[in-house]
Amino acid sequence: MLANLFPRHPSIAPDLSRTTLRTFNERNGEFARLRGERIAIYWPHGFGDWVHFGAIAALLSPENAYAIFRIGDDFSALFTGADPVGAFPSGIRAVGDGADLGARHLGLNWRSLRGKQETIALLGTMSAAFARFAPTALLYTDYPEPEGRLAFPYHTKARALARLLVEEARLARFDLAQPLPQSANFVAPPELQRRVDDLLARYFDPCERVLLLATSGHTEPAKAWPAEDVRAFLDLVRARDPQMRVIFSTTSAAPMPPGLRAEKRSRFAR
């Protein structure tokens, strides 16, 4: 049964470009021992996990070069100009696992990665990105969650994974009791800020308070809010501040809650 759920070699469509690299997951400490490598980090996780990785990245060995990517490029902007991990594009806008493009998770099964040579499917514009970065190894982890099982200071998700990806002697140099340093870039380019400001100005007056409400469970449909919870949350917000304006971030998998259908066209609600 497990072999069916997690095949040793997931299928790759015959027309896709491929490359071969040593591939690693978070297990066995093999990745933490790498030195002098150019490492592509496949990170098929949600936005919060990309932010978490910004803290892990600052702890990684400076003796390697790193570039992070996923299928769907929205999140990778966090690492544009970041240090020590940069980003390269997949050229694919929609977040996904690649199954609809011919290779789920690049044709890799993270459970089977042990530092050996593996065939990797290159989707979208990954062929060009790989050629520019010239990786010599690839990391793909499922980003395990400690869920309270690890003692301080490895009790948080980022610290728990850092314990597996960073060599023990190096990790000991950091005070994990303090907030972890952050390498992700949270500053939007001026042109993008101007475009967002111009869009918001069509709907809101200056100095109005605006709440962005994302209820769709972007990378995991099971995390989407039930419609009744959205309505209850909005009722609480409006009871606290009747003038608050709400922007909904919605997908077809998480439709607008009942009673807000008329407002769906603009996606803005009082």
Protein backbone atom coordinates (compact mmCIF):
# COMPACT_ATOMS: atom_id res chain seq x y z
CA MET A 1 0.00 0.00 0.00
CA LEU A 2 2.78 2.44 0.91
CA ALA A 3 4.53 1.61 -2.33
CA ASN A 4 1.44 2.79 -4.22
CA LEU A 5 1.16 6.01 -2.22
CA PHE A 6 4.87 6.83 -2.39
CA PRO A 7 6.35 5.13 -5.48
CA ARG A 8 10.12 4.80 -5.57
CA HIS A 9 10.24 6.48 -8.98
CA PRO A 10 7.13 8.58 -9.72
CA SER A 11 6.36 8.77 -13.43
CA ILE A 12 7.78 11.51 -15.66
CA ALA A 13 6.12 12.38 -18.97
CA PRO A 14 8.38 11.34 -21.86
CA ASP A 15 8.43 14.80 -23.46
CA LEU A 16 9.84 16.60 -20.41
CA SER A 17 13.43 17.78 -20.10
CA ARG A 18 15.43 16.00 -17.41
CA THR A 19 18.64 16.26 -15.49
CA THR A 20 20.41 14.03 -12.99
CA LEU A 21 21.57 15.25 -9.59
CA ARG A 22 22.44 13.93 -6.18
CA THR A 23 19.30 14.49 -4.14
CA PHE A 24 18.80 14.76 -0.39
CA ASN A 25 15.97 14.98 2.12
CA GLU A 26 16.29 16.10 5.76
CA ARG A 27 17.11 12.65 7.10
CA ASN A 28 20.40 11.11 8.24
CA GLY A 29 22.37 14.36 8.42
CA GLU A 30 23.81 13.86 4.91
CA PHE A 31 22.68 17.26 3.66
CA ALA A 32 24.18 19.06 6.67
CA ARG A 33 27.61 17.67 5.77
CA LEU A 34 27.68 19.05 2.21
CA ARG A 35 30.45 21.56 1.43
CA GLY A 36 31.49 23.31 -1.77
CA GLU A 37 28.22 22.48 -3.51
CA ARG A 38 25.67 24.47 -5.51
CA ILE A 39 22.36 23.34 -4.04
CA ALA A 40 18.92 23.75 -5.59
CA ILE A 41 16.25 23.68 -2.87
CA TYR A 42 12.87 22.41 -4.04
CA TRP A 43 10.38 23.86 -1.57
CA PRO A 44 6.79 22.84 -2.48
CA HIS A 45 5.31 24.33 0.67
CA GLY A 46 3.00 27.19 1.67
CA PHE A 47 3.85 30.84 2.12
CA GLY A 48 4.32 30.50 5.88
CA ASP A 49 6.86 27.73 5.32
CA TRP A 50 8.76 29.96 2.89
CA VAL A 51 8.94 32.58 5.62
CA HIS A 52 10.13 29.92 8.07
CA PHE A 53 12.82 28.87 5.61
CA GLY A 54 14.09 32.45 5.61
CA ALA A 55 15.25 31.78 9.17
CA ILE A 56 16.71 28.36 8.38
CA ALA A 57 18.60 29.76 5.37
CA ALA A 58 20.59 32.13 7.55
CA LEU A 59 21.92 29.12 9.51
CA LEU A 60 23.08 27.05 6.52
CA SER A 61 26.74 26.54 5.77
CA PRO A 62 28.22 29.52 3.88
CA GLU A 63 30.52 27.10 2.07
CA ASN A 64 27.70 26.20 -0.33
CA ALA A 65 25.64 28.26 -2.79
CA TYR A 66 21.85 27.93 -2.62
CA ALA A 67 18.84 28.72 -4.79
CA ILE A 68 15.23 27.98 -3.82
CA PHE A 69 12.28 27.30 -6.13
CA ARG A 70 8.87 25.69 -6.41
CA ILE A 71 6.21 25.05 -9.04
CA GLY A 72 4.45 28.40 -8.96
CA ASP A 73 6.67 31.44 -8.52
CA ASP A 74 4.65 33.81 -6.32
CA PHE A 75 6.51 32.91 -3.12
CA SER A 76 10.02 32.99 -4.61
CA ALA A 77 9.99 36.80 -4.67
CA LEU A 78 10.80 36.62 -0.94
CA PHE A 79 14.28 35.40 -1.88
CA THR A 80 15.01 37.82 -4.69
CA GLY A 81 18.22 39.42 -3.55
CA ALA A 82 18.23 37.45 -0.29
CA ASP A 83 21.42 36.12 1.28
CA PRO A 84 22.67 33.38 1.38
CA VAL A 85 19.80 31.81 -0.59
CA GLY A 86 18.64 33.22 -3.91
CA ALA A 87 15.64 32.22 -6.01
CA PHE A 88 15.22 31.03 -9.55
CA PRO A 89 11.93 30.88 -11.44
CA SER A 90 10.01 27.89 -12.65
CA GLY A 91 8.17 30.08 -15.14
CA ILE A 92 4.89 28.62 -13.84
CA ARG A 93 2.38 31.00 -12.29
CA ALA A 94 -0.09 28.62 -10.64
CA VAL A 95 1.05 26.89 -7.46
CA GLY A 96 0.91 23.11 -7.82
CA ASP A 97 2.81 19.85 -7.50
CA GLY A 98 3.48 19.39 -11.21
CA ALA A 99 1.16 16.41 -11.67
CA ASP A 100 -0.84 18.24 -14.34
CA LEU A 101 2.41 19.13 -16.14
CA GLY A 102 3.69 15.59 -16.42
CA ALA A 103 5.78 15.05 -13.28
CA ARG A 104 4.54 15.24 -9.71
CA HIS A 105 7.18 16.89 -7.51
CA LEU A 106 9.73 16.77 -10.35
CA GLY A 107 9.36 12.98 -10.46
CA LEU A 108 10.87 12.63 -6.98
CA ASN A 109 9.70 10.86 -3.85
CA TRP A 110 11.19 12.70 -0.86
CA ARG A 111 11.08 9.57 1.30
CA SER A 112 13.54 7.80 -0.99
CA LEU A 113 16.22 10.48 -1.31
CA ARG A 114 19.57 9.38 0.14
CA GLY A 115 22.17 11.50 -1.64
CA LYS A 116 22.22 9.28 -4.72
CA GLN A 117 21.83 10.35 -8.34
CA GLU A 118 18.17 10.81 -9.26
CA THR A 119 16.42 11.83 -12.47
CA ILE A 120 14.69 15.19 -12.09
CA ALA A 121 11.99 16.52 -14.42
CA LEU A 122 12.48 20.16 -15.42
CA LEU A 123 9.11 21.87 -15.82
CA GLY A 124 8.34 25.30 -17.23
CA THR A 125 11.54 27.34 -17.57
CA MET A 126 13.48 25.23 -15.08
CA SER A 127 15.87 24.01 -17.79
CA ALA A 128 17.17 27.54 -18.34
CA ALA A 129 17.21 28.29 -14.61
CA PHE A 130 19.14 25.10 -13.84
CA ALA A 131 21.59 25.88 -16.63
CA ARG A 132 22.29 29.34 -15.15
CA PHE A 133 22.61 28.20 -11.55
CA ALA A 134 24.34 24.90 -12.41
CA PRO A 135 23.34 22.97 -9.26
CA THR A 136 25.41 20.01 -8.13
CA ALA A 137 22.84 18.76 -5.58
CA LEU A 138 19.16 19.13 -4.71
CA LEU A 139 17.33 19.25 -1.37
CA TYR A 140 13.66 18.26 -1.10
CA THR A 141 12.15 17.92 2.36
CA ASP A 142 8.56 17.48 3.45
CA TYR A 143 9.27 20.01 6.25
CA PRO A 144 8.32 17.85 9.25
CA GLU A 145 6.43 19.47 12.11
CA PRO A 146 7.50 18.82 15.73
CA GLU A 147 3.95 19.28 17.09
CA GLY A 148 5.26 19.68 20.63
CA ARG A 149 7.39 16.53 20.53
CA LEU A 150 10.80 18.25 20.71
CA ALA A 151 12.24 19.97 23.75
CA PHE A 152 13.35 23.60 23.78
CA PRO A 153 15.11 25.07 21.82
CA TYR A 154 13.95 22.82 18.95
CA HIS A 155 10.28 23.22 19.77
CA THR A 156 9.33 25.37 16.76
CA LYS A 157 8.95 24.17 13.20
CA ALA A 158 11.89 26.13 11.79
CA ARG A 159 14.23 25.20 14.65
CA ALA A 160 13.27 21.54 14.37
CA LEU A 161 14.18 21.46 10.68
CA ALA A 162 17.36 23.49 11.25
CA ARG A 163 18.45 20.75 13.65
CA LEU A 164 18.35 18.33 10.70
CA LEU A 165 19.80 20.58 7.97
CA VAL A 166 22.59 22.37 9.86
CA GLU A 167 25.65 20.56 11.18
CA GLU A 168 25.59 20.32 14.96
CA ALA A 169 28.86 22.21 15.51
CA ARG A 170 27.66 25.13 13.38
CA LEU A 171 24.19 25.18 14.92
CA ALA A 172 25.76 25.44 18.37
CA ARG A 173 27.14 28.88 17.42
CA PHE A 174 23.61 30.34 17.29
CA ASP A 175 21.50 31.26 20.29
CA LEU A 176 18.30 29.42 19.41
CA ALA A 177 16.60 30.93 22.45
CA GLN A 178 16.58 34.25 20.57
CA PRO A 179 14.53 35.12 17.46
CA LEU A 180 16.16 33.51 14.44
CA PRO A 181 17.76 35.84 11.86
CA GLN A 182 15.67 36.30 8.71
CA SER A 183 17.10 36.23 5.19
CA ALA A 184 13.85 36.61 3.23
CA ASN A 185 13.19 39.94 1.54
CA PHE A 186 9.89 41.54 2.57
CA VAL A 187 10.39 44.81 0.68
CA ALA A 188 8.38 45.01 -2.53
CA PRO A 189 9.95 46.81 -5.52
CA PRO A 190 8.81 50.47 -5.78
CA GLU A 191 7.00 49.86 -9.08
CA LEU A 192 4.99 47.01 -7.56
CA GLN A 193 4.14 49.15 -4.51
CA ARG A 194 2.92 51.92 -6.83
CA ARG A 195 0.70 49.52 -8.79
CA VAL A 196 -0.86 48.14 -5.60
CA ASP A 197 -1.40 51.65 -4.23
CA ASP A 198 -3.09 52.72 -7.48
CA LEU A 199 -5.38 49.68 -7.37
CA LEU A 200 -6.37 50.19 -3.73
CA ALA A 201 -7.04 53.88 -4.37
CA ARG A 202 -9.90 52.87 -6.69
CA TYR A 203 -11.77 51.32 -3.77
CA PHE A 204 -10.59 52.94 -0.55
CA ASP A 205 -10.21 56.42 0.81
CA PRO A 206 -6.86 57.47 2.27
CA CYS A 207 -6.29 56.28 5.85
CA GLU A 208 -9.12 53.70 5.73
CA ARG A 209 -8.33 50.52 7.62
CA VAL A 210 -8.14 47.46 5.36
CA LEU A 211 -8.06 43.77 6.30
CA LEU A 212 -6.82 41.15 3.82
CA LEU A 213 -8.67 37.91 4.52
CA ALA A 214 -7.28 34.77 2.87
CA THR A 215 -9.45 31.75 3.64
CA SER A 216 -8.59 29.36 0.83
CA GLY A 217 -5.83 27.17 2.30
CA HIS A 218 -3.62 28.15 -0.63
CA THR A 219 -1.55 24.97 -0.98
CA GLU A 220 -3.73 22.61 1.06
CA PRO A 221 -7.52 22.61 0.38
CA ALA A 222 -8.14 20.95 3.76
CA LYS A 223 -6.99 24.18 5.43
CA ALA A 224 -9.72 26.28 3.75
CA TRP A 225 -12.11 27.99 6.16
CA PRO A 226 -15.72 26.75 6.18
CA ALA A 227 -18.09 29.44 4.94
CA GLU A 228 -19.82 29.69 8.32
CA ASP A 229 -16.46 30.41 10.00
CA VAL A 230 -15.76 33.20 7.52
CA ARG A 231 -19.12 34.76 8.28
CA ALA A 232 -18.59 34.45 12.05
CA PHE A 233 -15.14 36.03 11.79
CA LEU A 234 -16.49 38.92 9.73
CA ASP A 235 -19.22 39.50 12.30
CA LEU A 236 -16.57 39.74 15.04
CA VAL A 237 -14.44 42.14 12.96
CA ARG A 238 -17.40 44.41 12.21
CA ALA A 239 -18.54 44.38 15.83
CA ARG A 240 -15.07 45.58 16.82
CA ASP A 241 -14.66 48.09 13.98
CA PRO A 242 -17.72 48.80 11.80
CA GLN A 243 -15.59 50.88 9.41
CA MET A 244 -13.09 48.12 8.63
CA ARG A 245 -12.87 47.28 4.93
CA VAL A 246 -12.19 43.67 3.95
CA ILE A 247 -10.40 42.33 0.87
CA PHE A 248 -11.07 38.67 0.16
CA SER A 249 -8.43 36.45 -1.37
CA THR A 250 -10.49 33.60 -2.81
CA THR A 251 -10.13 30.60 -5.11
CA SER A 252 -12.63 28.34 -6.79
CA ALA A 253 -11.85 25.77 -4.08
CA ALA A 254 -12.93 28.24 -1.39
CA PRO A 255 -15.94 30.19 -2.66
CA MET A 256 -17.24 33.35 -1.04
CA PRO A 257 -19.43 32.70 1.98
CA PRO A 258 -23.22 33.00 1.70
CA GLY A 259 -24.42 36.59 1.86
CA LEU A 260 -21.36 37.98 0.10
CA ARG A 261 -22.12 36.74 -3.40
CA ALA A 262 -23.10 40.18 -4.62
CA GLU A 263 -19.73 41.54 -3.58
CA LYS A 264 -17.66 38.84 -5.27
CA ARG A 265 -17.13 40.80 -8.48
CA SER A 266 -15.03 43.44 -6.76
CA ARG A 267 -13.89 41.12 -3.93
CA PHE A 268 -14.18 44.07 -1.54
CA ALA A 269 -16.71 44.06 1.26
CA ARG A 270 -17.87 46.48 3.94
